[in-house]
C-alpha cells in the first residue's frame, strides 16, 4: 500500500497574548462624574445611537445618559484598564 504524506502546514492560533493585545487596543469613553461608559461597539439603544457610532461622531450636545454631564467630560480609557470584556 502506498501512503501519501501531506506536509503539515502551520495553523495560526490566537494565543492569550494576542487576545490581550487586542483587548488592550479597545477603548471606551467614561464619564468623569458618574463613571458610566459609552462603548462605540454597543452604542446607546435608549438614546437611538446605533452600535458602531464613534464617540467623535456623537453630536456636540451629547450628554451622559446617567448624569447629563457634557460630552467633554468623558475620558477615553482602555477596556482592559477598567476590567471590561471585549464584545
PDB file of N, CA and C in Angstrom:
ATOM      1  N   UNK A   1       0.820  -1.169   0.000  1.00  0.00           N
ATOM      2  CA  UNK A   1       0.000   0.000   0.000  1.00  0.00           C
ATOM      3  C   UNK A   1       0.877   1.249   0.000  1.00  0.00           C
ATOM      4  N   UNK A   2       0.397   2.186  -0.766  1.00  0.00           N
ATOM      5  CA  UNK A   2       1.117   3.456  -0.862  1.00  0.00           C
ATOM      6  C   UNK A   2       0.420   4.478   0.038  1.00  0.00           C
ATOM      7  N   UNK A   3       1.166   5.027   0.945  1.00  0.00           N
ATOM      8  CA  UNK A   3       0.617   6.065   1.821  1.00  0.00           C
ATOM      9  C   UNK A   3       1.255   7.392   1.463  1.00  0.00           C
ATOM     10  N   UNK A   4       0.431   8.365   1.143  1.00  0.00           N
ATOM     11  CA  UNK A   4       0.987   9.686   0.838  1.00  0.00           C
ATOM     12  C   UNK A   4       1.051  10.499   2.122  1.00  0.00           C
ATOM     13  N   UNK A   5       2.105  11.206   2.249  1.00  0.00           N
ATOM     14  CA  UNK A   5       2.265  12.060   3.420  1.00  0.00           C
ATOM     15  C   UNK A   5       2.057  13.502   3.005  1.00  0.00           C
ATOM     16  N   UNK A   6       1.156  14.140   3.669  1.00  0.00           N
ATOM     17  CA  UNK A   6       0.899  15.552   3.368  1.00  0.00           C
ATOM     18  C   UNK A   6       1.734  16.388   4.318  1.00  0.00           C
ATOM     19  N   UNK A   7       2.291  17.424   3.777  1.00  0.00           N
ATOM     20  CA  UNK A   7       3.071  18.331   4.611  1.00  0.00           C
ATOM     21  C   UNK A   7       2.127  19.059   5.553  1.00  0.00           C
ATOM     22  N   UNK A   8       2.478  19.069   6.791  1.00  0.00           N
ATOM     23  CA  UNK A   8       1.659  19.772   7.777  1.00  0.00           C
ATOM     24  C   UNK A   8       1.944  21.262   7.685  1.00  0.00           C
ATOM     25  N   UNK A   9       0.906  22.008   7.430  1.00  0.00           N
ATOM     26  CA  UNK A   9       1.042  23.451   7.366  1.00  0.00           C
ATOM     27  C   UNK A   9       0.765  24.028   8.748  1.00  0.00           C
ATOM     28  N   UNK A  10       1.546  25.002   9.137  1.00  0.00           N
ATOM     29  CA  UNK A  10       1.289  25.601  10.445  1.00  0.00           C
ATOM     30  C   UNK A  10      -0.059  26.311  10.451  1.00  0.00           C
ATOM     31  N   UNK A  11      -0.779  26.123  11.507  1.00  0.00           N
ATOM     32  CA  UNK A  11      -2.084  26.757  11.652  1.00  0.00           C
ATOM     33  C   UNK A  11      -1.932  27.902  12.642  1.00  0.00           C
ATOM     34  N   UNK A  12      -2.356  29.073  12.201  1.00  0.00           N
ATOM     35  CA  UNK A  12      -2.260  30.247  13.076  1.00  0.00           C
ATOM     36  C   UNK A  12      -3.323  30.141  14.161  1.00  0.00           C
ATOM     37  N   UNK A  13      -2.885  30.164  15.375  1.00  0.00           N
ATOM     38  CA  UNK A  13      -3.801  30.140  16.515  1.00  0.00           C
ATOM     39  C   UNK A  13      -3.645  31.437  17.279  1.00  0.00           C
ATOM     40  N   UNK A  14      -4.755  31.925  17.760  1.00  0.00           N
ATOM     41  CA  UNK A  14      -4.696  33.139  18.580  1.00  0.00           C
ATOM     42  C   UNK A  14      -4.315  32.741  19.988  1.00  0.00           C
ATOM     43  N   UNK A  15      -3.206  33.246  20.422  1.00  0.00           N
ATOM     44  CA  UNK A  15      -2.759  32.965  21.777  1.00  0.00           C
ATOM     45  C   UNK A  15      -3.315  33.981  22.742  1.00  0.00           C
ATOM     46  N   UNK A  16      -3.054  33.730  24.010  1.00  0.00           N
ATOM     47  CA  UNK A  16      -3.539  34.646  25.044  1.00  0.00           C
ATOM     48  C   UNK A  16      -2.925  36.025  24.897  1.00  0.00           C
ATOM     49  N   UNK A  17      -1.655  36.069  24.440  1.00  0.00           N
ATOM     50  CA  UNK A  17      -1.007  37.374  24.259  1.00  0.00           C
ATOM     51  C   UNK A  17      -1.713  38.183  23.187  1.00  0.00           C
ATOM     52  N   UNK A  18      -2.081  37.508  22.080  1.00  0.00           N
ATOM     53  CA  UNK A  18      -2.776  38.226  21.000  1.00  0.00           C
ATOM     54  C   UNK A  18      -4.129  38.724  21.479  1.00  0.00           C
ATOM     55  N   UNK A  19      -4.842  37.896  22.233  1.00  0.00           N
ATOM     56  CA  UNK A  19      -6.149  38.305  22.737  1.00  0.00           C
ATOM     57  C   UNK A  19      -6.006  39.496  23.679  1.00  0.00           C
ATOM     58  N   UNK A  20      -5.010  39.452  24.560  1.00  0.00           N
ATOM     59  CA  UNK A  20      -4.797  40.569  25.481  1.00  0.00           C
ATOM     60  C   UNK A  20      -4.398  41.822  24.721  1.00  0.00           C
ATOM     61  N   UNK A  21      -3.574  41.673  23.677  1.00  0.00           N
ATOM     62  CA  UNK A  21      -3.160  42.830  22.882  1.00  0.00           C
ATOM     63  C   UNK A  21      -4.373  43.453  22.204  1.00  0.00           C
ATOM     64  N   UNK A  22      -5.253  42.602  21.675  1.00  0.00           N
ATOM     65  CA  UNK A  22      -6.456  43.112  21.023  1.00  0.00           C
ATOM     66  C   UNK A  22      -7.317  43.860  22.040  1.00  0.00           C
ATOM     67  N   UNK A  23      -7.498  43.244  23.201  1.00  0.00           N
ATOM     68  CA  UNK A  23      -8.315  43.862  24.236  1.00  0.00           C
ATOM     69  C   UNK A  23      -7.710  45.188  24.694  1.00  0.00           C
ATOM     70  N   UNK A  24      -6.380  45.236  24.796  1.00  0.00           N
ATOM     71  CA  UNK A  24      -5.716  46.449  25.256  1.00  0.00           C
ATOM     72  C   UNK A  24      -5.899  47.596  24.273  1.00  0.00           C
ATOM     73  N   UNK A  25      -6.172  47.269  23.018  1.00  0.00           N
ATOM     74  CA  UNK A  25      -6.329  48.303  21.994  1.00  0.00           C
ATOM     75  C   UNK A  25      -7.753  48.834  21.929  1.00  0.00           C
ATOM     76  N   UNK A  26      -8.681  48.197  22.615  1.00  0.00           N
ATOM     77  CA  UNK A  26     -10.066  48.636  22.562  1.00  0.00           C
ATOM     78  C   UNK A  26     -10.335  49.645  23.672  1.00  0.00           C
ATOM     79  N   UNK A  27     -11.054  50.674  23.300  1.00  0.00           N
ATOM     80  CA  UNK A  27     -11.304  51.785  24.224  1.00  0.00           C
ATOM     81  C   UNK A  27     -12.791  52.019  24.418  1.00  0.00           C
ATOM     82  N   UNK A  28     -13.107  52.629  25.521  1.00  0.00           N
ATOM     83  CA  UNK A  28     -14.447  53.135  25.803  1.00  0.00           C
ATOM     84  C   UNK A  28     -14.267  54.561  26.314  1.00  0.00           C
ATOM     85  N   UNK A  29     -15.360  55.254  26.472  1.00  0.00           N
ATOM     86  CA  UNK A  29     -15.331  56.624  26.992  1.00  0.00           C
ATOM     87  C   UNK A  29     -16.102  56.624  28.299  1.00  0.00           C
ATOM     88  N   UNK A  30     -15.451  57.112  29.355  1.00  0.00           N
ATOM     89  CA  UNK A  30     -16.036  57.058  30.685  1.00  0.00           C
ATOM     90  C   UNK A  30     -16.321  58.458  31.203  1.00  0.00           C
ATOM     91  N   UNK A  31     -17.505  58.633  31.735  1.00  0.00           N
ATOM     92  CA  UNK A  31     -17.893  59.908  32.340  1.00  0.00           C
ATOM     93  C   UNK A  31     -17.070  60.127  33.604  1.00  0.00           C
ATOM     94  N   UNK A  32     -16.478  61.308  33.725  1.00  0.00           N
ATOM     95  CA  UNK A  32     -15.649  61.623  34.899  1.00  0.00           C
ATOM     96  C   UNK A  32     -16.473  61.777  36.175  1.00  0.00           C
ATOM     97  N   UNK A  33     -17.757  61.990  36.018  1.00  0.00           N
ATOM     98  CA  UNK A  33     -18.597  62.267  37.184  1.00  0.00           C
ATOM     99  C   UNK A  33     -19.233  61.006  37.767  1.00  0.00           C
ATOM    100  N   UNK A  34     -19.932  60.263  36.938  1.00  0.00           N
ATOM    101  CA  UNK A  34     -20.662  59.095  37.452  1.00  0.00           C
ATOM    102  C   UNK A  34     -20.023  57.767  37.041  1.00  0.00           C
ATOM    103  N   UNK A  35     -18.961  57.848  36.215  1.00  0.00           N
ATOM    104  CA  UNK A  35     -18.190  56.688  35.767  1.00  0.00           C
ATOM    105  C   UNK A  35     -18.946  55.761  34.814  1.00  0.00           C
ATOM    106  N   UNK A  36     -20.077  56.235  34.261  1.00  0.00           N
ATOM    107  CA  UNK A  36     -20.764  55.419  33.271  1.00  0.00           C
ATOM    108  C   UNK A  36     -19.919  55.370  31.997  1.00  0.00           C
ATOM    109  N   UNK A  37     -20.224  54.425  31.132  1.00  0.00           N
ATOM    110  CA  UNK A  37     -19.401  54.126  29.967  1.00  0.00           C
ATOM    111  C   UNK A  37     -20.180  54.338  28.679  1.00  0.00           C
ATOM    112  N   UNK A  38     -19.528  54.952  27.691  1.00  0.00           N
ATOM    113  CA  UNK A  38     -20.040  54.925  26.322  1.00  0.00           C
ATOM    114  C   UNK A  38     -19.100  54.022  25.538  1.00  0.00           C
ATOM    115  N   UNK A  39     -19.646  52.936  24.988  1.00  0.00           N
ATOM    116  CA  UNK A  39     -18.878  51.982  24.195  1.00  0.00           C
ATOM    117  C   UNK A  39     -19.313  52.103  22.744  1.00  0.00           C
ATOM    118  N   UNK A  40     -18.375  52.466  21.879  1.00  0.00           N
ATOM    119  CA  UNK A  40     -18.686  52.639  20.463  1.00  0.00           C
ATOM    120  C   UNK A  40     -19.233  51.364  19.830  1.00  0.00           C
ATOM    121  N   UNK A  41     -18.794  50.225  20.311  1.00  0.00           N
ATOM    122  CA  UNK A  41     -19.246  48.946  19.766  1.00  0.00           C
ATOM    123  C   UNK A  41     -20.742  48.764  20.016  1.00  0.00           C
ATOM    124  N   UNK A  42     -21.196  49.186  21.184  1.00  0.00           N
ATOM    125  CA  UNK A  42     -22.586  48.967  21.586  1.00  0.00           C
ATOM    126  C   UNK A  42     -23.530  50.110  21.239  1.00  0.00           C
ATOM    127  N   UNK A  43     -23.015  51.336  21.205  1.00  0.00           N
ATOM    128  CA  UNK A  43     -23.892  52.488  21.029  1.00  0.00           C
ATOM    129  C   UNK A  43     -24.744  52.685  22.270  1.00  0.00           C
ATOM    130  N   UNK A  44     -25.878  53.348  22.120  1.00  0.00           N
ATOM    131  CA  UNK A  44     -26.830  53.550  23.222  1.00  0.00           C
ATOM    132  C   UNK A  44     -28.238  53.431  22.671  1.00  0.00           C
ATOM    133  N   UNK A  45     -28.791  52.254  22.797  1.00  0.00           N
ATOM    134  CA  UNK A  45     -30.126  51.998  22.249  1.00  0.00           C
ATOM    135  C   UNK A  45     -31.170  52.951  22.835  1.00  0.00           C
ATOM    136  N   UNK A  46     -31.062  53.251  24.139  1.00  0.00           N
ATOM    137  CA  UNK A  46     -32.034  54.134  24.795  1.00  0.00           C
ATOM    138  C   UNK A  46     -32.031  55.542  24.206  1.00  0.00           C
ATOM    139  N   UNK A  47     -30.912  55.949  23.613  1.00  0.00           N
ATOM    140  CA  UNK A  47     -30.793  57.283  23.015  1.00  0.00           C
ATOM    141  C   UNK A  47     -30.728  57.226  21.489  1.00  0.00           C
ATOM    142  N   UNK A  48     -31.148  56.111  20.937  1.00  0.00           N
ATOM    143  CA  UNK A  48     -31.171  55.911  19.479  1.00  0.00           C
ATOM    144  C   UNK A  48     -29.806  56.104  18.825  1.00  0.00           C
ATOM    145  N   UNK A  49     -28.743  55.708  19.531  1.00  0.00           N
ATOM    146  CA  UNK A  49     -27.391  55.764  18.970  1.00  0.00           C
ATOM    147  C   UNK A  49     -27.025  54.340  18.572  1.00  0.00           C
ATOM    148  N   UNK A  50     -26.841  54.150  17.286  1.00  0.00           N
ATOM    149  CA  UNK A  50     -26.618  52.809  16.741  1.00  0.00           C
ATOM    150  C   UNK A  50     -25.246  52.258  17.120  1.00  0.00           C
ATOM    151  N   UNK A  51     -25.153  50.934  17.285  1.00  0.00           N
ATOM    152  CA  UNK A  51     -23.846  50.304  17.503  1.00  0.00           C
ATOM    153  C   UNK A  51     -22.875  50.703  16.397  1.00  0.00           C
ATOM    154  N   UNK A  52     -21.633  50.913  16.764  1.00  0.00           N
ATOM    155  CA  UNK A  52     -20.622  51.305  15.794  1.00  0.00           C
ATOM    156  C   UNK A  52     -20.463  52.811  15.652  1.00  0.00           C
ATOM    157  N   UNK A  53     -21.273  53.588  16.356  1.00  0.00           N
ATOM    158  CA  UNK A  53     -21.171  55.045  16.283  1.00  0.00           C
ATOM    159  C   UNK A  53     -19.958  55.502  17.088  1.00  0.00           C
ATOM    160  N   UNK A  54     -19.015  56.122  16.409  1.00  0.00           N
ATOM    161  CA  UNK A  54     -17.803  56.605  17.061  1.00  0.00           C
ATOM    162  C   UNK A  54     -18.130  57.754  18.004  1.00  0.00           C
ATOM    163  N   UNK A  55     -17.369  57.846  19.080  1.00  0.00           N
ATOM    164  CA  UNK A  55     -17.608  58.895  20.071  1.00  0.00           C
ATOM    165  C   UNK A  55     -17.507  60.275  19.439  1.00  0.00           C
ATOM    166  N   UNK A  56     -16.509  60.465  18.565  1.00  0.00           N
ATOM    167  CA  UNK A  56     -16.348  61.789  17.948  1.00  0.00           C
ATOM    168  C   UNK A  56     -17.448  62.095  16.938  1.00  0.00           C
ATOM    169  N   UNK A  57     -18.273  61.113  16.595  1.00  0.00           N
ATOM    170  CA  UNK A  57     -19.411  61.339  15.700  1.00  0.00           C
ATOM    171  C   UNK A  57     -20.681  61.710  16.471  1.00  0.00           C
ATOM    172  N   UNK A  58     -20.632  61.597  17.798  1.00  0.00           N
ATOM    173  CA  UNK A  58     -21.795  61.982  18.595  1.00  0.00           C
ATOM    174  C   UNK A  58     -21.982  63.494  18.497  1.00  0.00           C
ATOM    175  N   UNK A  59     -23.216  63.966  18.564  1.00  0.00           N
ATOM    176  CA  UNK A  59     -23.437  65.417  18.471  1.00  0.00           C
ATOM    177  C   UNK A  59     -22.757  66.166  19.611  1.00  0.00           C
ATOM    178  N   UNK A  60     -22.425  67.403  19.363  1.00  0.00           N
ATOM    179  CA  UNK A  60     -21.756  68.240  20.372  1.00  0.00           C
ATOM    180  C   UNK A  60     -22.589  68.372  21.640  1.00  0.00           C
ATOM    181  N   UNK A  61     -23.916  68.283  21.493  1.00  0.00           N
ATOM    182  CA  UNK A  61     -24.777  68.425  22.666  1.00  0.00           C
ATOM    183  C   UNK A  61     -25.063  67.091  23.362  1.00  0.00           C
ATOM    184  N   UNK A  62     -24.316  66.053  22.990  1.00  0.00           N
ATOM    185  CA  UNK A  62     -24.466  64.751  23.650  1.00  0.00           C
ATOM    186  C   UNK A  62     -24.151  64.905  25.137  1.00  0.00           C
ATOM    187  N   UNK A  63     -24.957  64.246  25.951  1.00  0.00           N
ATOM    188  CA  UNK A  63     -24.706  64.254  27.391  1.00  0.00           C
ATOM    189  C   UNK A  63     -24.754  62.826  27.926  1.00  0.00           C
ATOM    190  N   UNK A  64     -24.148  62.639  29.075  1.00  0.00           N
ATOM    191  CA  UNK A  64     -24.118  61.344  29.739  1.00  0.00           C
ATOM    192  C   UNK A  64     -25.546  60.859  29.980  1.00  0.00           C
ATOM    193  N   UNK A  65     -25.782  59.608  29.661  1.00  0.00           N
ATOM    194  CA  UNK A  65     -27.110  59.029  29.835  1.00  0.00           C
ATOM    195  C   UNK A  65     -27.502  58.915  31.309  1.00  0.00           C
ATOM    196  N   UNK A  66     -26.515  58.918  32.192  1.00  0.00           N
ATOM    197  CA  UNK A  66     -26.806  58.755  33.614  1.00  0.00           C
ATOM    198  C   UNK A  66     -26.906  60.084  34.371  1.00  0.00           C
ATOM    199  N   UNK A  67     -25.956  61.010  34.105  1.00  0.00           N
ATOM    200  CA  UNK A  67     -25.917  62.225  34.937  1.00  0.00           C
ATOM    201  C   UNK A  67     -25.979  63.526  34.132  1.00  0.00           C
ATOM    202  N   UNK A  68     -26.155  63.425  32.829  1.00  0.00           N
ATOM    203  CA  UNK A  68     -26.266  64.591  31.948  1.00  0.00           C
ATOM    204  C   UNK A  68     -25.001  65.431  31.841  1.00  0.00           C
ATOM    205  N   UNK A  69     -23.845  64.863  32.195  1.00  0.00           N
ATOM    206  CA  UNK A  69     -22.582  65.590  32.024  1.00  0.00           C
ATOM    207  C   UNK A  69     -22.327  65.777  30.525  1.00  0.00           C
ATOM    208  N   UNK A  70     -21.707  66.878  30.124  1.00  0.00           N
ATOM    209  CA  UNK A  70     -21.455  67.132  28.702  1.00  0.00           C
ATOM    210  C   UNK A  70     -20.413  66.164  28.112  1.00  0.00           C
ATOM    211  N   UNK A  71     -20.442  66.049  26.819  1.00  0.00           N
ATOM    212  CA  UNK A  71     -19.536  65.171  26.073  1.00  0.00           C
ATOM    213  C   UNK A  71     -18.073  65.409  26.444  1.00  0.00           C
ATOM    214  N   UNK A  72     -17.703  66.636  26.674  1.00  0.00           N
ATOM    215  CA  UNK A  72     -16.331  66.986  27.016  1.00  0.00           C
ATOM    216  C   UNK A  72     -15.859  66.441  28.355  1.00  0.00           C
ATOM    217  N   UNK A  73     -16.791  65.937  29.159  1.00  0.00           N
ATOM    218  CA  UNK A  73     -16.433  65.389  30.466  1.00  0.00           C
ATOM    219  C   UNK A  73     -16.198  63.882  30.430  1.00  0.00           C
ATOM    220  N   UNK A  74     -16.092  63.332  29.236  1.00  0.00           N
ATOM    221  CA  UNK A  74     -15.779  61.906  29.080  1.00  0.00           C
ATOM    222  C   UNK A  74     -14.291  61.740  28.823  1.00  0.00           C
ATOM    223  N   UNK A  75     -13.732  60.657  29.356  1.00  0.00           N
ATOM    224  CA  UNK A  75     -12.312  60.357  29.211  1.00  0.00           C
ATOM    225  C   UNK A  75     -12.172  59.027  28.487  1.00  0.00           C
ATOM    226  N   UNK A  76     -11.271  58.986  27.509  1.00  0.00           N
ATOM    227  CA  UNK A  76     -11.010  57.749  26.769  1.00  0.00           C
ATOM    228  C   UNK A  76     -10.172  56.821  27.642  1.00  0.00           C
ATOM    229  N   UNK A  77     -10.651  55.590  27.839  1.00  0.00           N
ATOM    230  CA  UNK A  77      -9.967  54.614  28.690  1.00  0.00           C
ATOM    231  C   UNK A  77      -9.885  53.271  27.978  1.00  0.00           C
ATOM    232  N   UNK A  78      -8.820  52.526  28.245  1.00  0.00           N
ATOM    233  CA  UNK A  78      -8.705  51.161  27.717  1.00  0.00           C
ATOM    234  C   UNK A  78      -9.709  50.272  28.437  1.00  0.00           C
ATOM    235  N   UNK A  79     -10.367  49.408  27.657  1.00  0.00           N
ATOM    236  CA  UNK A  79     -11.295  48.453  28.262  1.00  0.00           C
ATOM    237  C   UNK A  79     -10.583  47.592  29.292  1.00  0.00           C
ATOM    238  N   UNK A  80      -9.368  47.172  28.951  1.00  0.00           N
ATOM    239  CA  UNK A  80      -8.633  46.279  29.849  1.00  0.00           C
ATOM    240  C   UNK A  80      -8.321  46.972  31.180  1.00  0.00           C
ATOM    241  N   UNK A  81      -8.065  48.264  31.154  1.00  0.00           N
ATOM    242  CA  UNK A  81      -7.768  49.003  32.392  1.00  0.00           C
ATOM    243  C   UNK A  81      -8.972  49.009  33.325  1.00  0.00           C
ATOM    244  N   UNK A  82     -10.161  49.061  32.727  1.00  0.00           N
ATOM    245  CA  UNK A  82     -11.380  49.106  33.524  1.00  0.00           C
ATOM    246  C   UNK A  82     -11.907  47.708  33.844  1.00  0.00           C
ATOM    247  N   UNK A  83     -11.226  46.691  33.333  1.00  0.00           N
ATOM    248  CA  UNK A  83     -11.662  45.319  33.582  1.00  0.00           C
ATOM    249  C   UNK A  83     -12.856  44.908  32.750  1.00  0.00           C
ATOM    250  N   UNK A  84     -13.069  45.589  31.636  1.00  0.00           N
ATOM    251  CA  UNK A  84     -14.209  45.272  30.774  1.00  0.00           C
ATOM    252  C   UNK A  84     -13.809  44.236  29.739  1.00  0.00           C
ATOM    253  N   UNK A  85     -14.744  43.397  29.366  1.00  0.00           N
ATOM    254  CA  UNK A  85     -14.500  42.405  28.334  1.00  0.00           C
ATOM    255  C   UNK A  85     -14.822  43.006  26.982  1.00  0.00           C
ATOM    256  N   UNK A  86     -14.180  42.443  25.964  1.00  0.00           N
ATOM    257  CA  UNK A  86     -14.491  42.878  24.617  1.00  0.00           C
ATOM    258  C   UNK A  86     -15.804  42.239  24.182  1.00  0.00           C
ATOM    259  N   UNK A  87     -16.528  42.922  23.316  1.00  0.00           N
ATOM    260  CA  UNK A  87     -17.808  42.444  22.844  1.00  0.00           C
ATOM    261  C   UNK A  87     -17.611  41.657  21.574  1.00  0.00           C
TER     262      UNK A  87
END
